[in-house]
Amino acid sequence: MATQIKKTVSGPLTANADAPPGVEFVGPAGSIVKIMLSELSPEMRDRLAVHGLAQKIGDSYAGASEEADPLASSILWIGETAKQVRAGEWRVSAGATGPRASLLAKALARATGNSLDDAIAVIDLLPDEDVGTQPGKKSLRKALKGIMATITAEEATARAQKVGAAPETGGLAALFGPELKSA
């Protein structure tokens, strides 16, 4: 269920790059809170920056458990994401074959016939919500919902085939002891 709260980020490397850096949260009745970095102490800005850096790097290897060698993939993706951040690039986390693509980017590439890298670049520039006539990520997700569902199903099928069709279930029935069985 949607919260109906819109988050707008402003500052460098965002769709609102000309505005002072900060975040505004807006609900159906209007602005809930707007926090500008200029309002915060240097210590708080540093703490937020370190938190954001940890999140960004952490997000880069979130899908590594699905790879053939999760540790090697994690190490590779962490290094690539750190390299991107140091170079001033803010994009989808790096994967073994370049940027790890979001489901939205995969769907956009499939729908338009453009490359995955181009789709990632376009999505990185989009605001979360529509701004005037500029569609945001939310509208794009809605428009590509069917393609995203197809891709999700294809990826789930591929993962199931990778691990094998028949899971090991020996002993699972014991979880449902006599006290859990209906009379």
N, C-alpha and C. Protein backbone atom coordinates (compact mmCIF):
# COMPACT_ATOMS: atom_id res chain seq x y z
N MET A 1 0.85 -1.19 0.00
CA MET A 1 0.00 0.00 0.00
C MET A 1 0.88 1.24 0.00
N ALA A 2 0.55 2.18 -0.83
CA ALA A 2 1.33 3.42 -0.94
C ALA A 2 1.06 4.31 0.27
N THR A 3 2.08 5.01 0.69
CA THR A 3 1.93 5.90 1.84
C THR A 3 1.38 7.25 1.45
N GLN A 4 1.38 7.57 0.18
CA GLN A 4 0.95 8.87 -0.34
C GLN A 4 1.85 10.00 0.13
N ILE A 5 3.07 9.65 0.48
CA ILE A 5 4.05 10.66 0.86
C ILE A 5 5.08 10.73 -0.25
N LYS A 6 5.29 11.92 -0.75
CA LYS A 6 6.22 12.16 -1.85
C LYS A 6 7.52 12.70 -1.28
N LYS A 7 8.62 12.15 -1.75
CA LYS A 7 9.95 12.60 -1.30
C LYS A 7 10.60 13.31 -2.48
N THR A 8 11.07 14.52 -2.26
CA THR A 8 11.78 15.26 -3.29
C THR A 8 13.18 15.58 -2.78
N VAL A 9 14.17 15.12 -3.52
CA VAL A 9 15.57 15.35 -3.16
C VAL A 9 16.10 16.46 -4.06
N SER A 10 16.85 17.38 -3.50
CA SER A 10 17.42 18.46 -4.30
C SER A 10 18.91 18.58 -4.01
N GLY A 11 19.62 19.18 -4.95
CA GLY A 11 21.05 19.38 -4.80
C GLY A 11 21.81 18.69 -5.91
N PRO A 12 23.12 18.67 -5.81
CA PRO A 12 23.96 18.10 -6.87
C PRO A 12 23.59 16.65 -7.19
N LEU A 13 23.73 16.29 -8.47
CA LEU A 13 23.49 14.95 -8.99
C LEU A 13 22.05 14.48 -8.81
N THR A 14 21.10 15.42 -8.70
CA THR A 14 19.69 15.08 -8.62
C THR A 14 18.96 15.78 -9.76
N ALA A 15 17.68 15.43 -9.94
CA ALA A 15 16.88 16.09 -10.96
C ALA A 15 16.67 17.57 -10.62
N ASN A 16 16.81 17.92 -9.34
CA ASN A 16 16.66 19.31 -8.88
C ASN A 16 18.03 19.87 -8.50
N ALA A 17 18.97 19.75 -9.43
CA ALA A 17 20.37 20.10 -9.16
C ALA A 17 20.57 21.59 -8.86
N ASP A 18 19.69 22.45 -9.35
CA ASP A 18 19.87 23.89 -9.13
C ASP A 18 19.39 24.35 -7.76
N ALA A 19 18.62 23.52 -7.07
CA ALA A 19 18.10 23.89 -5.75
C ALA A 19 19.13 23.55 -4.67
N PRO A 20 19.06 24.25 -3.54
CA PRO A 20 19.97 23.93 -2.43
C PRO A 20 19.77 22.47 -1.98
N PRO A 21 20.83 21.80 -1.52
CA PRO A 21 20.70 20.40 -1.15
C PRO A 21 19.81 20.19 0.08
N GLY A 22 18.90 19.23 -0.08
CA GLY A 22 18.00 18.90 1.00
C GLY A 22 16.96 17.90 0.55
N VAL A 23 16.01 17.61 1.44
CA VAL A 23 14.93 16.67 1.16
C VAL A 23 13.64 17.25 1.70
N GLU A 24 12.57 17.10 0.91
CA GLU A 24 11.24 17.51 1.37
C GLU A 24 10.31 16.31 1.27
N PHE A 25 9.51 16.10 2.31
CA PHE A 25 8.50 15.06 2.34
C PHE A 25 7.15 15.76 2.33
N VAL A 26 6.32 15.40 1.34
CA VAL A 26 5.02 16.04 1.16
C VAL A 26 3.94 14.98 1.19
N GLY A 27 2.92 15.20 2.02
CA GLY A 27 1.77 14.32 2.11
C GLY A 27 0.57 14.93 1.41
N PRO A 28 -0.58 14.28 1.46
CA PRO A 28 -1.78 14.80 0.79
C PRO A 28 -2.18 16.20 1.26
N ALA A 29 -1.88 16.53 2.51
CA ALA A 29 -2.25 17.84 3.04
C ALA A 29 -1.15 18.89 2.88
N GLY A 30 -0.05 18.52 2.23
CA GLY A 30 1.03 19.48 2.02
C GLY A 30 2.32 19.01 2.66
N SER A 31 3.26 19.95 2.78
CA SER A 31 4.60 19.64 3.27
C SER A 31 4.55 19.12 4.70
N ILE A 32 5.22 18.00 4.93
CA ILE A 32 5.33 17.44 6.27
C ILE A 32 6.59 17.98 6.91
N VAL A 33 7.70 17.87 6.18
CA VAL A 33 8.95 18.41 6.67
C VAL A 33 9.87 18.65 5.47
N LYS A 34 10.65 19.69 5.58
CA LYS A 34 11.69 19.98 4.60
C LYS A 34 12.96 20.21 5.38
N ILE A 35 13.98 19.43 5.07
CA ILE A 35 15.25 19.55 5.78
C ILE A 35 16.33 19.90 4.77
N MET A 36 16.94 21.02 4.98
CA MET A 36 18.04 21.46 4.11
C MET A 36 19.36 21.17 4.82
N LEU A 37 20.35 20.75 4.06
CA LEU A 37 21.64 20.46 4.68
C LEU A 37 22.22 21.67 5.39
N SER A 38 21.92 22.86 4.89
CA SER A 38 22.44 24.08 5.52
C SER A 38 21.90 24.28 6.94
N GLU A 39 20.82 23.60 7.30
CA GLU A 39 20.25 23.70 8.64
C GLU A 39 20.99 22.83 9.66
N LEU A 40 21.80 21.91 9.18
CA LEU A 40 22.40 20.91 10.05
C LEU A 40 23.84 21.27 10.42
N SER A 41 24.24 20.77 11.57
CA SER A 41 25.63 20.99 12.01
C SER A 41 26.58 20.21 11.10
N PRO A 42 27.84 20.64 11.02
CA PRO A 42 28.82 19.90 10.22
C PRO A 42 28.93 18.43 10.65
N GLU A 43 28.84 18.19 11.96
CA GLU A 43 28.93 16.82 12.45
C GLU A 43 27.77 15.97 11.95
N MET A 44 26.55 16.55 11.95
CA MET A 44 25.38 15.81 11.48
C MET A 44 25.48 15.58 9.97
N ARG A 45 25.95 16.57 9.21
CA ARG A 45 26.12 16.39 7.77
C ARG A 45 27.13 15.27 7.48
N ASP A 46 28.22 15.24 8.25
CA ASP A 46 29.21 14.18 8.07
C ASP A 46 28.61 12.82 8.40
N ARG A 47 27.84 12.74 9.49
CA ARG A 47 27.22 11.46 9.89
C ARG A 47 26.25 10.99 8.81
N LEU A 48 25.44 11.91 8.28
CA LEU A 48 24.51 11.56 7.21
C LEU A 48 25.25 11.12 5.95
N ALA A 49 26.35 11.78 5.65
CA ALA A 49 27.14 11.41 4.47
C ALA A 49 27.72 10.00 4.63
N VAL A 50 28.24 9.70 5.81
CA VAL A 50 28.80 8.37 6.05
C VAL A 50 27.69 7.32 5.98
N HIS A 51 26.53 7.64 6.54
CA HIS A 51 25.39 6.70 6.47
C HIS A 51 25.01 6.46 5.01
N GLY A 52 24.90 7.52 4.24
CA GLY A 52 24.55 7.39 2.82
C GLY A 52 25.58 6.60 2.04
N LEU A 53 26.85 6.82 2.35
CA LEU A 53 27.93 6.08 1.68
C LEU A 53 27.83 4.59 2.02
N ALA A 54 27.57 4.29 3.29
CA ALA A 54 27.42 2.89 3.69
C ALA A 54 26.22 2.25 2.99
N GLN A 55 25.12 2.98 2.87
CA GLN A 55 23.94 2.46 2.16
C GLN A 55 24.23 2.23 0.69
N LYS A 56 24.85 3.20 0.05
CA LYS A 56 25.16 3.12 -1.38
C LYS A 56 26.04 1.90 -1.67
N ILE A 57 27.11 1.75 -0.90
CA ILE A 57 28.01 0.62 -1.11
C ILE A 57 27.30 -0.69 -0.74
N GLY A 58 26.55 -0.68 0.35
CA GLY A 58 25.80 -1.88 0.75
C GLY A 58 24.79 -2.31 -0.29
N ASP A 59 24.10 -1.36 -0.90
CA ASP A 59 23.13 -1.68 -1.94
C ASP A 59 23.79 -2.34 -3.15
N SER A 60 25.08 -2.03 -3.36
CA SER A 60 25.76 -2.51 -4.56
C SER A 60 25.88 -4.03 -4.61
N TYR A 61 25.89 -4.68 -3.46
CA TYR A 61 26.05 -6.14 -3.49
C TYR A 61 24.84 -6.86 -2.92
N ALA A 62 23.70 -6.20 -2.90
CA ALA A 62 22.49 -6.80 -2.35
C ALA A 62 22.06 -8.07 -3.08
N GLY A 63 22.28 -8.17 -4.38
CA GLY A 63 21.86 -9.34 -5.14
C GLY A 63 22.95 -10.37 -5.33
N ALA A 64 24.06 -10.25 -4.63
CA ALA A 64 25.19 -11.15 -4.86
C ALA A 64 24.89 -12.59 -4.48
N SER A 65 23.95 -12.82 -3.58
CA SER A 65 23.65 -14.19 -3.16
C SER A 65 23.11 -15.03 -4.31
N GLU A 66 22.64 -14.40 -5.37
CA GLU A 66 22.12 -15.13 -6.52
C GLU A 66 23.20 -15.47 -7.54
N GLU A 67 24.41 -15.00 -7.31
CA GLU A 67 25.51 -15.24 -8.25
C GLU A 67 26.20 -16.57 -7.95
N ALA A 68 26.94 -17.09 -8.92
CA ALA A 68 27.65 -18.36 -8.76
C ALA A 68 28.66 -18.27 -7.62
N ASP A 69 29.36 -17.15 -7.50
CA ASP A 69 30.34 -16.93 -6.43
C ASP A 69 29.96 -15.62 -5.72
N PRO A 70 29.07 -15.71 -4.72
CA PRO A 70 28.57 -14.49 -4.06
C PRO A 70 29.66 -13.60 -3.47
N LEU A 71 30.68 -14.19 -2.85
CA LEU A 71 31.73 -13.37 -2.25
C LEU A 71 32.52 -12.63 -3.31
N ALA A 72 32.91 -13.32 -4.38
CA ALA A 72 33.67 -12.66 -5.45
C ALA A 72 32.83 -11.56 -6.10
N SER A 73 31.55 -11.83 -6.32
CA SER A 73 30.67 -10.81 -6.91
C SER A 73 30.55 -9.60 -5.99
N SER A 74 30.38 -9.86 -4.69
CA SER A 74 30.28 -8.75 -3.73
C SER A 74 31.52 -7.87 -3.76
N ILE A 75 32.67 -8.51 -3.73
CA ILE A 75 33.93 -7.76 -3.73
C ILE A 75 34.06 -6.93 -5.00
N LEU A 76 33.73 -7.53 -6.13
CA LEU A 76 33.81 -6.83 -7.41
C LEU A 76 32.85 -5.64 -7.44
N TRP A 77 31.61 -5.86 -7.02
CA TRP A 77 30.60 -4.80 -7.08
C TRP A 77 30.90 -3.68 -6.09
N ILE A 78 31.41 -4.02 -4.90
CA ILE A 78 31.79 -2.99 -3.94
C ILE A 78 32.88 -2.10 -4.54
N GLY A 79 33.88 -2.72 -5.13
CA GLY A 79 34.97 -1.96 -5.74
C GLY A 79 34.49 -1.06 -6.87
N GLU A 80 33.61 -1.59 -7.72
CA GLU A 80 33.10 -0.80 -8.85
C GLU A 80 32.25 0.37 -8.36
N THR A 81 31.43 0.14 -7.36
CA THR A 81 30.58 1.23 -6.84
C THR A 81 31.44 2.30 -6.16
N ALA A 82 32.45 1.89 -5.41
CA ALA A 82 33.35 2.87 -4.79
C ALA A 82 34.05 3.70 -5.87
N LYS A 83 34.45 3.04 -6.96
CA LYS A 83 35.10 3.74 -8.07
C LYS A 83 34.14 4.77 -8.69
N GLN A 84 32.88 4.38 -8.87
CA GLN A 84 31.88 5.30 -9.42
C GLN A 84 31.68 6.52 -8.51
N VAL A 85 31.54 6.27 -7.22
CA VAL A 85 31.31 7.36 -6.27
C VAL A 85 32.51 8.31 -6.26
N ARG A 86 33.71 7.75 -6.25
CA ARG A 86 34.92 8.59 -6.26
C ARG A 86 35.00 9.42 -7.54
N ALA A 87 34.45 8.90 -8.64
CA ALA A 87 34.47 9.61 -9.93
C ALA A 87 33.31 10.60 -10.05
N GLY A 88 32.49 10.70 -9.02
CA GLY A 88 31.37 11.64 -9.05
C GLY A 88 30.18 11.12 -9.84
N GLU A 89 30.08 9.81 -10.03
CA GLU A 89 28.97 9.21 -10.77
C GLU A 89 27.97 8.63 -9.79
N TRP A 90 26.72 8.97 -10.00
CA TRP A 90 25.65 8.42 -9.16
C TRP A 90 24.75 7.62 -10.09
N ARG A 91 24.89 6.32 -10.05
CA ARG A 91 24.06 5.47 -10.90
C ARG A 91 23.77 4.18 -10.18
N VAL A 92 23.01 3.33 -10.84
CA VAL A 92 22.65 2.04 -10.26
C VAL A 92 23.92 1.30 -9.90
N SER A 93 23.87 0.56 -8.82
CA SER A 93 25.04 -0.18 -8.33
C SER A 93 25.64 -1.06 -9.42
N ALA A 94 26.92 -1.29 -9.32
CA ALA A 94 27.63 -2.06 -10.33
C ALA A 94 27.42 -3.55 -10.14
N GLY A 95 27.34 -4.25 -11.24
CA GLY A 95 27.24 -5.70 -11.21
C GLY A 95 28.37 -6.29 -12.01
N ALA A 96 28.38 -7.59 -12.13
CA ALA A 96 29.47 -8.28 -12.80
C ALA A 96 29.64 -7.84 -14.25
N THR A 97 28.56 -7.44 -14.89
CA THR A 97 28.65 -7.04 -16.29
C THR A 97 28.43 -5.55 -16.46
N GLY A 98 28.83 -4.75 -15.48
CA GLY A 98 28.61 -3.32 -15.54
C GLY A 98 27.56 -2.93 -14.53
N PRO A 99 26.84 -1.84 -14.77
CA PRO A 99 25.85 -1.42 -13.79
C PRO A 99 24.78 -2.50 -13.60
N ARG A 100 24.47 -2.77 -12.33
CA ARG A 100 23.38 -3.70 -12.05
C ARG A 100 22.09 -2.95 -12.33
N ALA A 101 21.29 -3.51 -13.15
CA ALA A 101 20.10 -2.81 -13.60
C ALA A 101 18.91 -3.07 -12.69
N SER A 102 18.16 -2.03 -12.42
CA SER A 102 16.92 -2.20 -11.69
C SER A 102 15.90 -2.84 -12.63
N LEU A 103 14.87 -3.39 -12.03
CA LEU A 103 13.79 -3.97 -12.82
C LEU A 103 13.18 -2.91 -13.74
N LEU A 104 13.08 -1.70 -13.24
CA LEU A 104 12.54 -0.61 -14.05
C LEU A 104 13.41 -0.35 -15.28
N ALA A 105 14.72 -0.35 -15.11
CA ALA A 105 15.63 -0.11 -16.23
C ALA A 105 15.53 -1.24 -17.25
N LYS A 106 15.45 -2.48 -16.78
CA LYS A 106 15.31 -3.62 -17.69
C LYS A 106 14.01 -3.49 -18.50
N ALA A 107 12.94 -3.10 -17.84
CA ALA A 107 11.65 -2.96 -18.52
C ALA A 107 11.69 -1.82 -19.54
N LEU A 108 12.30 -0.70 -19.17
CA LEU A 108 12.40 0.43 -20.09
C LEU A 108 13.21 0.06 -21.32
N ALA A 109 14.32 -0.63 -21.11
CA ALA A 109 15.15 -1.06 -22.24
C ALA A 109 14.36 -2.01 -23.15
N ARG A 110 13.64 -2.94 -22.56
CA ARG A 110 12.85 -3.89 -23.36
C ARG A 110 11.74 -3.18 -24.12
N ALA A 111 11.07 -2.25 -23.46
CA ALA A 111 9.93 -1.56 -24.09
C ALA A 111 10.35 -0.64 -25.23
N THR A 112 11.53 -0.04 -25.10
CA THR A 112 11.96 0.95 -26.09
C THR A 112 12.95 0.41 -27.11
N GLY A 113 13.55 -0.74 -26.82
CA GLY A 113 14.57 -1.28 -27.71
C GLY A 113 15.91 -0.60 -27.55
N ASN A 114 16.05 0.25 -26.54
CA ASN A 114 17.34 0.91 -26.27
C ASN A 114 18.20 0.02 -25.39
N SER A 115 19.46 0.37 -25.27
CA SER A 115 20.37 -0.44 -24.46
C SER A 115 20.03 -0.29 -22.98
N LEU A 116 20.46 -1.28 -22.21
CA LEU A 116 20.27 -1.25 -20.77
C LEU A 116 21.03 -0.08 -20.16
N ASP A 117 22.24 0.18 -20.64
CA ASP A 117 23.01 1.33 -20.13
C ASP A 117 22.28 2.64 -20.37
N ASP A 118 21.66 2.79 -21.55
CA ASP A 118 20.90 4.01 -21.84
C ASP A 118 19.67 4.13 -20.94
N ALA A 119 19.01 3.00 -20.70
CA ALA A 119 17.83 3.01 -19.83
C ALA A 119 18.22 3.41 -18.41
N ILE A 120 19.34 2.88 -17.92
CA ILE A 120 19.82 3.24 -16.58
C ILE A 120 20.12 4.73 -16.51
N ALA A 121 20.77 5.26 -17.54
CA ALA A 121 21.11 6.68 -17.56
C ALA A 121 19.86 7.56 -17.54
N VAL A 122 18.84 7.17 -18.30
CA VAL A 122 17.59 7.94 -18.31
C VAL A 122 16.91 7.90 -16.95
N ILE A 123 16.82 6.72 -16.37
CA ILE A 123 16.14 6.58 -15.08
C ILE A 123 16.88 7.34 -13.98
N ASP A 124 18.21 7.35 -14.03
CA ASP A 124 18.98 8.10 -13.03
C ASP A 124 18.63 9.58 -13.03
N LEU A 125 18.19 10.10 -14.15
CA LEU A 125 17.86 11.53 -14.26
C LEU A 125 16.41 11.84 -13.88
N LEU A 126 15.58 10.81 -13.76
CA LEU A 126 14.16 11.05 -13.47
C LEU A 126 13.92 11.34 -12.00
N PRO A 127 12.99 12.26 -11.72
CA PRO A 127 12.58 12.45 -10.32
C PRO A 127 11.71 11.26 -9.90
N ASP A 128 11.53 11.08 -8.60
CA ASP A 128 10.67 9.99 -8.12
C ASP A 128 9.23 10.18 -8.59
N GLU A 129 8.74 11.40 -8.50
CA GLU A 129 7.36 11.73 -8.87
C GLU A 129 7.36 12.61 -10.11
N ASP A 130 6.20 12.72 -10.76
CA ASP A 130 6.06 13.61 -11.91
C ASP A 130 6.32 15.05 -11.47
N VAL A 131 7.01 15.81 -12.32
CA VAL A 131 7.25 17.23 -12.07
C VAL A 131 6.78 17.96 -13.32
N GLY A 132 5.63 18.61 -13.22
CA GLY A 132 5.05 19.26 -14.40
C GLY A 132 4.75 18.23 -15.47
N THR A 133 5.30 18.43 -16.66
CA THR A 133 5.08 17.47 -17.74
C THR A 133 6.15 16.37 -17.76
N GLN A 134 7.16 16.48 -16.90
CA GLN A 134 8.23 15.48 -16.81
C GLN A 134 7.74 14.28 -16.01
N PRO A 135 7.62 13.11 -16.67
CA PRO A 135 7.19 11.93 -15.91
C PRO A 135 8.27 11.51 -14.93
N GLY A 136 7.85 10.98 -13.82
CA GLY A 136 8.79 10.48 -12.82
C GLY A 136 8.85 8.97 -12.83
N LYS A 137 9.66 8.43 -11.94
CA LYS A 137 9.84 6.98 -11.85
C LYS A 137 8.53 6.27 -11.51
N LYS A 138 7.71 6.91 -10.68
CA LYS A 138 6.45 6.29 -10.27
C LYS A 138 5.54 6.08 -11.49
N SER A 139 5.41 7.08 -12.34
CA SER A 139 4.59 6.95 -13.56
C SER A 139 5.18 5.92 -14.50
N LEU A 140 6.50 5.91 -14.61
CA LEU A 140 7.16 4.96 -15.48
C LEU A 140 6.91 3.53 -15.00
N ARG A 141 6.99 3.32 -13.68
CA ARG A 141 6.71 1.99 -13.13
C ARG A 141 5.29 1.55 -13.47
N LYS A 142 4.37 2.47 -13.36
CA LYS A 142 2.96 2.16 -13.66
C LYS A 142 2.80 1.78 -15.14
N ALA A 143 3.45 2.54 -16.02
CA ALA A 143 3.34 2.29 -17.46
C ALA A 143 4.00 0.97 -17.86
N LEU A 144 5.03 0.56 -17.13
CA LEU A 144 5.79 -0.64 -17.49
C LEU A 144 5.47 -1.83 -16.59
N LYS A 145 4.39 -1.75 -15.84
CA LYS A 145 4.02 -2.77 -14.86
C LYS A 145 3.96 -4.17 -15.47
N GLY A 146 3.34 -4.31 -16.63
CA GLY A 146 3.21 -5.62 -17.27
C GLY A 146 4.54 -6.20 -17.69
N ILE A 147 5.39 -5.36 -18.27
CA ILE A 147 6.72 -5.83 -18.70
C ILE A 147 7.55 -6.20 -17.47
N MET A 148 7.43 -5.42 -16.40
CA MET A 148 8.18 -5.72 -15.17
C MET A 148 7.73 -7.06 -14.59
N ALA A 149 6.44 -7.35 -14.64
CA ALA A 149 5.94 -8.65 -14.15
C ALA A 149 6.49 -9.80 -14.98
N THR A 150 6.55 -9.61 -16.29
CA THR A 150 7.10 -10.64 -17.18
C THR A 150 8.57 -10.89 -16.86
N ILE A 151 9.34 -9.83 -16.69
CA ILE A 151 10.77 -9.96 -16.38
C ILE A 151 10.95 -10.66 -15.03
N THR A 152 10.15 -10.28 -14.05
CA THR A 152 10.23 -10.91 -12.72
C THR A 152 9.97 -12.41 -12.82
N ALA A 153 8.96 -12.79 -13.61
CA ALA A 153 8.64 -14.21 -13.78
C ALA A 153 9.78 -14.94 -14.50
N GLU A 154 10.35 -14.31 -15.51
CA GLU A 154 11.47 -14.93 -16.23
C GLU A 154 12.67 -15.13 -15.31
N GLU A 155 12.97 -14.13 -14.49
CA GLU A 155 14.11 -14.23 -13.58
C GLU A 155 13.86 -15.28 -12.50
N ALA A 156 12.62 -15.37 -12.01
CA ALA A 156 12.29 -16.39 -11.01
C ALA A 156 12.43 -17.79 -11.61
N THR A 157 11.99 -17.96 -12.84
CA THR A 157 12.13 -19.25 -13.53
C THR A 157 13.60 -19.61 -13.68
N ALA A 158 14.41 -18.64 -14.07
CA ALA A 158 15.85 -18.89 -14.24
C ALA A 158 16.50 -19.28 -12.91
N ARG A 159 16.11 -18.60 -11.81
CA ARG A 159 16.67 -18.95 -10.50
C ARG A 159 16.23 -20.35 -10.09
N ALA A 160 14.97 -20.70 -10.34
CA ALA A 160 14.47 -22.04 -9.99
C ALA A 160 15.22 -23.11 -10.77
N GLN A 161 15.49 -22.86 -12.03
CA GLN A 161 16.23 -23.82 -12.84
C GLN A 161 17.67 -23.95 -12.35
N LYS A 162 18.22 -22.84 -11.87
CA LYS A 162 19.61 -22.85 -11.39
C LYS A 162 19.76 -23.72 -10.14
N VAL A 163 18.78 -23.68 -9.25
CA VAL A 163 18.88 -24.45 -8.01
C VAL A 163 18.31 -25.85 -8.15
N GLY A 164 17.62 -26.12 -9.22
CA GLY A 164 17.02 -27.44 -9.43
C GLY A 164 15.53 -27.40 -9.18
N ALA A 165 14.82 -28.22 -9.89
CA ALA A 165 13.36 -28.19 -9.85
C ALA A 165 12.78 -28.78 -8.57
N ALA A 166 13.40 -29.81 -8.01
CA ALA A 166 12.84 -30.49 -6.84
C ALA A 166 13.62 -30.13 -5.58
N PRO A 167 13.05 -29.30 -4.72
CA PRO A 167 13.76 -28.95 -3.49
C PRO A 167 13.81 -30.13 -2.52
N GLU A 168 14.82 -30.13 -1.69
CA GLU A 168 14.95 -31.16 -0.66
C GLU A 168 13.95 -30.84 0.44
N THR A 169 13.02 -31.75 0.68
CA THR A 169 11.97 -31.49 1.67
C THR A 169 12.00 -32.48 2.82
N GLY A 170 12.97 -33.37 2.83
CA GLY A 170 13.03 -34.39 3.88
C GLY A 170 12.98 -33.78 5.26
N GLY A 171 12.08 -34.27 6.07
CA GLY A 171 11.99 -33.83 7.45
C GLY A 171 11.13 -32.60 7.69
N LEU A 172 10.70 -31.94 6.64
CA LEU A 172 9.89 -30.73 6.84
C LEU A 172 8.52 -31.04 7.43
N ALA A 173 7.99 -32.20 7.13
CA ALA A 173 6.67 -32.57 7.67
C ALA A 173 6.70 -32.60 9.18
N ALA A 174 7.85 -32.88 9.78
CA ALA A 174 7.96 -32.93 11.23
C ALA A 174 7.72 -31.57 11.88
N LEU A 175 7.83 -30.51 11.10
CA LEU A 175 7.53 -29.18 11.65
C LEU A 175 6.08 -29.08 12.09
N PHE A 176 5.22 -29.87 11.47
CA PHE A 176 3.80 -29.85 11.77
C PHE A 176 3.48 -31.04 12.68
N GLY A 177 3.90 -30.92 13.93
CA GLY A 177 3.71 -31.99 14.90
C GLY A 177 2.22 -32.24 15.15
N PRO A 178 1.93 -33.24 15.96
CA PRO A 178 0.54 -33.63 16.22
C PRO A 178 -0.31 -32.48 16.77
N GLU A 179 0.31 -31.57 17.53
CA GLU A 179 -0.46 -30.45 18.11
C GLU A 179 -0.91 -29.45 17.04
N LEU A 180 -0.29 -29.46 15.86
CA LEU A 180 -0.66 -28.52 14.79
C LEU A 180 -1.61 -29.14 13.78
N LYS A 181 -1.76 -30.46 13.83
CA LYS A 181 -2.62 -31.13 12.85
C LYS A 181 -4.08 -31.00 13.27
N SER A 182 -4.94 -30.73 12.28
CA SER A 182 -6.38 -30.61 12.56
C SER A 182 -6.96 -31.97 12.87
N ALA A 183 -7.96 -31.98 13.67
CA ALA A 183 -8.65 -33.24 14.01
C ALA A 183 -9.67 -33.60 12.97
